[in-house]
Amino acid sequence: MCGRFVGFRRLEELEKYFPIDKSEAKTTANYNIAPSQEILAIVRRGRENLLELFHWGLVPFWAKDISIGNKMINARAETVATKPSFRTAFKKRRCLILADGFYEWKNVKGKKQPFFLTLPDGKPFAFAGLWEAWNDKGKAEQTYQSCTIITRPASESVMPVHHRMPAILNPDKYSSWLDPNNQDVEALEEILQNWTETVLINRPVSKKVNNARINEASNIERLEQTEIKSDNAG
């Protein structure tokens, strides 16, 4: 699963890497993004790609309340096309969730050690995501926008840290993924299988990232081996 990630780019930088026609969101650096928080995602509305804020944790339009989102931060690529909670969004409401890296935890000498994973070139990337707009069938005062990150089995480079990873889309497929008129389920599944970035690098980081309230640039700094041994000894 993917339960914590990082995004620190300003809009001017994001526009260099992603197909953003207009931004409806303020970009703020966050080095410890946790479920339920607002995150940046690109969606296609009409002919424009808009950068908007979505709560992390999908709330389907049919949900009774938004609490279901706490259990829907990830959708498995193997079942996303058929699972009732995700299948309609998979066909019609897909998005690009922007990130600079993500955290995973590995058992090191009986204790969970966090690792930061990112692309080798350090560029920002996009998770394959789904989005929904919930308003309690018109009874809620405001529409609640939410999204989920699609995950897949870990690649060879990620497997030493965790057995699953987010589906990181190849930029060549951004347009196809965002197009709501593209409802060919087999073609969409093929993107998740064959058009994702699989070569990542990782480094151990401080256990302070376990606390989602700690949002500091130092969160992603490498933790030296001597520091890991000292921390695990305690």
Protein backbone atom coordinates (compact mmCIF):
# COMPACT_ATOMS: atom_id res chain seq x y z
CA MET A 1 0.00 0.00 0.00
CA CYS A 2 0.95 3.65 -0.11
CA GLY A 3 0.15 5.38 3.16
CA ARG A 4 2.37 8.46 3.17
CA PHE A 5 4.03 10.55 0.47
CA VAL A 6 5.77 13.84 -0.31
CA GLY A 7 5.10 16.81 -2.58
CA PHE A 8 7.09 20.03 -2.40
CA ARG A 9 7.08 21.67 -5.87
CA ARG A 10 5.68 25.09 -6.65
CA LEU A 11 3.18 25.57 -9.47
CA GLU A 12 5.81 27.00 -11.82
CA GLU A 13 7.85 23.80 -11.48
CA LEU A 14 4.86 21.48 -11.79
CA GLU A 15 3.83 23.15 -15.03
CA LYS A 16 7.17 22.07 -16.55
CA TYR A 17 6.46 18.39 -15.94
CA PHE A 18 2.69 17.98 -16.10
CA PRO A 19 -0.12 18.94 -18.52
CA ILE A 20 -1.69 21.72 -16.42
CA ASP A 21 -3.89 24.21 -18.28
CA LYS A 22 -5.21 25.97 -15.20
CA SER A 23 -4.72 25.73 -11.44
CA GLU A 24 -7.56 25.89 -8.93
CA ALA A 25 -5.24 25.03 -6.04
CA LYS A 26 -2.57 26.66 -3.95
CA THR A 27 0.64 24.63 -3.91
CA THR A 28 2.21 24.13 -0.48
CA ALA A 29 5.23 21.98 0.32
CA ASN A 30 4.32 18.92 2.39
CA TYR A 31 6.99 16.41 3.40
CA ASN A 32 4.61 14.10 5.24
CA ILE A 33 1.28 13.81 3.41
CA ALA A 34 -1.15 11.54 5.27
CA PRO A 35 -4.61 10.14 4.49
CA SER A 36 -7.56 12.59 4.68
CA GLN A 37 -5.28 15.55 3.95
CA GLU A 38 -5.81 17.63 0.82
CA ILE A 39 -3.48 16.71 -2.03
CA LEU A 40 -2.79 17.96 -5.55
CA ALA A 41 -4.31 16.14 -8.50
CA ILE A 42 -4.91 16.89 -12.16
CA VAL A 43 -8.33 16.13 -13.65
CA ARG A 44 -9.80 16.69 -17.10
CA ARG A 45 -12.81 18.98 -17.13
CA GLY A 46 -14.13 19.69 -20.59
CA ARG A 47 -11.06 20.37 -22.71
CA GLU A 48 -8.86 21.59 -19.87
CA ASN A 49 -6.57 19.83 -17.41
CA LEU A 50 -7.13 21.44 -14.03
CA LEU A 51 -4.91 21.20 -10.98
CA GLU A 52 -7.22 20.87 -7.97
CA LEU A 53 -7.24 19.85 -4.32
CA PHE A 54 -8.71 16.49 -3.31
CA HIS A 55 -8.95 14.77 0.06
CA TRP A 56 -6.87 11.61 0.09
CA GLY A 57 -9.27 8.72 0.65
CA LEU A 58 -11.98 8.04 -1.93
CA VAL A 59 -15.59 8.70 -0.95
CA PRO A 60 -17.90 7.19 -3.60
CA PHE A 61 -20.93 9.25 -4.62
CA TRP A 62 -23.21 6.63 -3.02
CA ALA A 63 -21.53 6.70 0.42
CA LYS A 64 -23.59 7.62 3.49
CA ASP A 65 -20.80 9.81 4.89
CA ILE A 66 -17.17 10.69 4.25
CA SER A 67 -15.74 8.36 6.91
CA ILE A 68 -15.49 5.57 4.32
CA GLY A 69 -12.59 7.49 2.81
CA ASN A 70 -10.32 6.37 5.66
CA LYS A 71 -10.45 2.83 4.23
CA MET A 72 -10.11 3.85 0.59
CA ILE A 73 -6.71 5.52 0.30
CA ASN A 74 -5.52 2.85 -2.14
CA ALA A 75 -7.09 0.81 -4.94
CA ARG A 76 -5.39 -2.38 -6.15
CA ALA A 77 -4.58 -2.43 -9.87
CA GLU A 78 -5.57 -6.10 -9.99
CA THR A 79 -9.19 -5.42 -8.95
CA VAL A 80 -9.82 -1.72 -9.59
CA ALA A 81 -11.83 -2.40 -12.76
CA THR A 82 -14.28 -4.73 -11.04
CA LYS A 83 -14.54 -3.70 -7.38
CA PRO A 84 -17.84 -1.81 -6.84
CA SER A 85 -16.16 0.99 -4.89
CA PHE A 86 -13.83 1.83 -7.77
CA ARG A 87 -15.11 0.48 -11.10
CA THR A 88 -17.20 3.51 -12.15
CA ALA A 89 -14.43 5.97 -11.25
CA PHE A 90 -11.93 3.76 -13.08
CA LYS A 91 -13.94 4.12 -16.27
CA LYS A 92 -14.89 7.80 -15.98
CA ARG A 93 -13.00 9.69 -13.25
CA ARG A 94 -9.25 9.19 -13.37
CA CYS A 95 -6.62 11.66 -12.22
CA LEU A 96 -2.90 12.28 -11.85
CA ILE A 97 -1.83 12.60 -8.21
CA LEU A 98 1.36 14.63 -8.06
CA ALA A 99 4.30 13.60 -5.87
CA ASP A 100 8.05 13.85 -5.37
CA GLY A 101 8.41 10.58 -3.50
CA PHE A 102 6.74 8.29 -0.99
CA TYR A 103 7.51 6.45 2.24
CA GLU A 104 7.43 2.75 3.01
CA TRP A 105 8.42 0.87 6.16
CA LYS A 106 10.67 -2.17 6.36
CA ASN A 107 11.34 -4.46 9.30
CA VAL A 108 14.95 -3.90 10.40
CA LYS A 109 16.06 -5.93 13.40
CA GLY A 110 12.50 -6.21 14.68
CA LYS A 111 11.63 -2.53 14.26
CA LYS A 112 9.93 -0.61 11.46
CA GLN A 113 12.40 1.55 9.57
CA PRO A 114 10.98 4.18 7.18
CA PHE A 115 12.45 4.56 3.70
CA PHE A 116 11.95 7.34 1.17
CA LEU A 117 11.50 6.18 -2.42
CA THR A 118 11.73 8.31 -5.55
CA LEU A 119 12.82 8.30 -9.18
CA PRO A 120 16.57 8.08 -9.83
CA ASP A 121 16.60 11.47 -11.59
CA GLY A 122 14.74 13.18 -8.74
CA LYS A 123 11.97 14.49 -10.99
CA PRO A 124 8.37 14.76 -9.75
CA PHE A 125 5.94 12.10 -10.95
CA ALA A 126 2.27 11.21 -11.02
CA PHE A 127 0.49 8.35 -9.28
CA ALA A 128 -2.38 6.84 -11.23
CA GLY A 129 -5.45 7.92 -9.29
CA LEU A 130 -9.24 7.94 -9.24
CA TRP A 131 -11.45 10.77 -8.01
CA GLU A 132 -15.01 11.32 -6.82
CA ALA A 133 -17.24 14.24 -5.85
CA TRP A 134 -19.59 13.52 -2.90
CA ASN A 135 -22.42 15.76 -1.73
CA ASP A 136 -24.72 13.29 0.04
CA LYS A 137 -27.11 13.22 -2.92
CA GLY A 138 -27.42 16.97 -2.90
CA LYS A 139 -27.99 17.33 0.84
CA ALA A 140 -24.45 18.40 1.82
CA GLU A 141 -23.66 22.12 1.89
CA GLN A 142 -20.37 21.61 0.05
CA THR A 143 -19.11 19.03 -2.41
CA TYR A 144 -16.35 16.84 -0.96
CA GLN A 145 -13.69 16.02 -3.56
CA SER A 146 -11.64 12.92 -2.85
CA CYS A 147 -9.22 10.56 -4.55
CA THR A 148 -7.35 7.30 -4.18
CA ILE A 149 -3.93 6.05 -5.31
CA ILE A 150 -3.77 2.90 -7.42
CA THR A 151 -1.15 0.39 -6.28
CA ARG A 152 0.48 -2.59 -7.98
CA PRO A 153 2.90 -5.39 -7.06
CA ALA A 154 6.35 -4.06 -6.25
CA SER A 155 8.99 -3.93 -8.96
CA GLU A 156 12.41 -5.51 -8.48
CA SER A 157 13.87 -2.23 -7.22
CA VAL A 158 11.10 -1.71 -4.63
CA MET A 159 10.72 -5.30 -3.44
CA PRO A 160 13.60 -5.09 -0.90
CA VAL A 161 11.59 -2.45 0.97
CA HIS A 162 7.94 -3.43 0.38
CA HIS A 163 5.89 -5.93 -1.62
CA ARG A 164 3.64 -3.28 -3.19
CA MET A 165 4.10 0.18 -4.68
CA PRO A 166 2.03 3.00 -6.17
CA ALA A 167 1.40 2.86 -9.92
CA ILE A 168 3.60 5.70 -11.23
CA LEU A 169 2.44 6.60 -14.73
CA ASN A 170 4.76 7.06 -17.68
CA PRO A 171 4.31 10.65 -18.94
CA ASP A 172 3.45 9.36 -22.42
CA LYS A 173 0.17 8.04 -21.00
CA TYR A 174 -0.94 11.14 -19.06
CA SER A 175 -3.36 12.24 -21.77
CA SER A 176 -4.94 8.81 -22.26
CA TRP A 177 -5.33 8.36 -18.52
CA LEU A 178 -7.00 11.72 -17.99
CA ASP A 179 -9.42 11.44 -20.93
CA PRO A 180 -12.89 10.61 -19.49
CA ASN A 181 -14.00 9.49 -22.95
CA ASN A 182 -11.44 6.71 -22.80
CA GLN A 183 -13.55 4.00 -21.16
CA ASP A 184 -11.83 0.98 -22.65
CA VAL A 185 -11.20 -1.04 -19.50
CA GLU A 186 -8.70 -3.39 -21.13
CA ALA A 187 -6.69 -0.48 -22.52
CA LEU A 188 -6.69 1.23 -19.13
CA GLU A 189 -5.55 -1.96 -17.40
CA GLU A 190 -2.80 -2.26 -20.02
CA ILE A 191 -1.52 1.17 -19.02
CA LEU A 192 -1.27 0.05 -15.39
CA GLN A 193 0.53 -3.13 -16.39
CA ASN A 194 2.97 -1.85 -18.99
CA TRP A 195 3.23 1.94 -18.78
CA THR A 196 4.36 2.60 -15.24
CA GLU A 197 7.74 3.62 -13.85
CA THR A 198 9.33 0.67 -12.05
CA VAL A 199 12.93 1.70 -11.36
CA LEU A 200 13.12 3.62 -8.09
CA ILE A 201 15.82 4.36 -5.55
CA ASN A 202 15.41 4.39 -1.79
CA ARG A 203 17.13 5.67 1.32
CA PRO A 204 16.46 5.21 5.03
CA VAL A 205 15.08 8.29 6.77
CA SER A 206 14.32 9.38 10.32
CA LYS A 207 11.53 7.72 12.27
CA LYS A 208 10.12 11.16 12.95
CA VAL A 209 8.12 10.69 9.73
CA ASN A 210 6.00 8.21 11.71
CA ASN A 211 4.34 11.31 13.15
CA ALA A 212 2.24 12.84 10.36
CA ARG A 213 2.32 16.21 12.11
CA ILE A 214 6.05 16.56 11.47
CA ASN A 215 6.29 18.29 8.10
CA GLU A 216 9.94 19.22 7.54
CA ALA A 217 12.29 19.11 4.57
CA SER A 218 14.70 17.11 6.73
CA ASN A 219 12.17 14.24 6.68
CA ILE A 220 13.62 13.02 3.38
CA GLU A 221 17.29 13.31 4.29
CA ARG A 222 19.28 10.08 4.33
CA LEU A 223 19.73 8.44 7.71
CA GLU A 224 23.25 7.08 8.03
CA GLN A 225 23.82 3.43 8.89
CA THR A 226 25.28 4.29 12.29
CA GLU A 227 22.14 6.24 13.13
CA ILE A 228 19.93 3.30 12.13
CA LYS A 229 21.89 0.92 14.37
CA SER A 230 21.68 3.36 17.27
CA ASP A 231 17.95 3.87 16.81
CA ASN A 232 17.22 0.14 16.61
CA ALA A 233 19.36 -0.57 19.63
CA GLY A 234 17.04 1.55 21.71
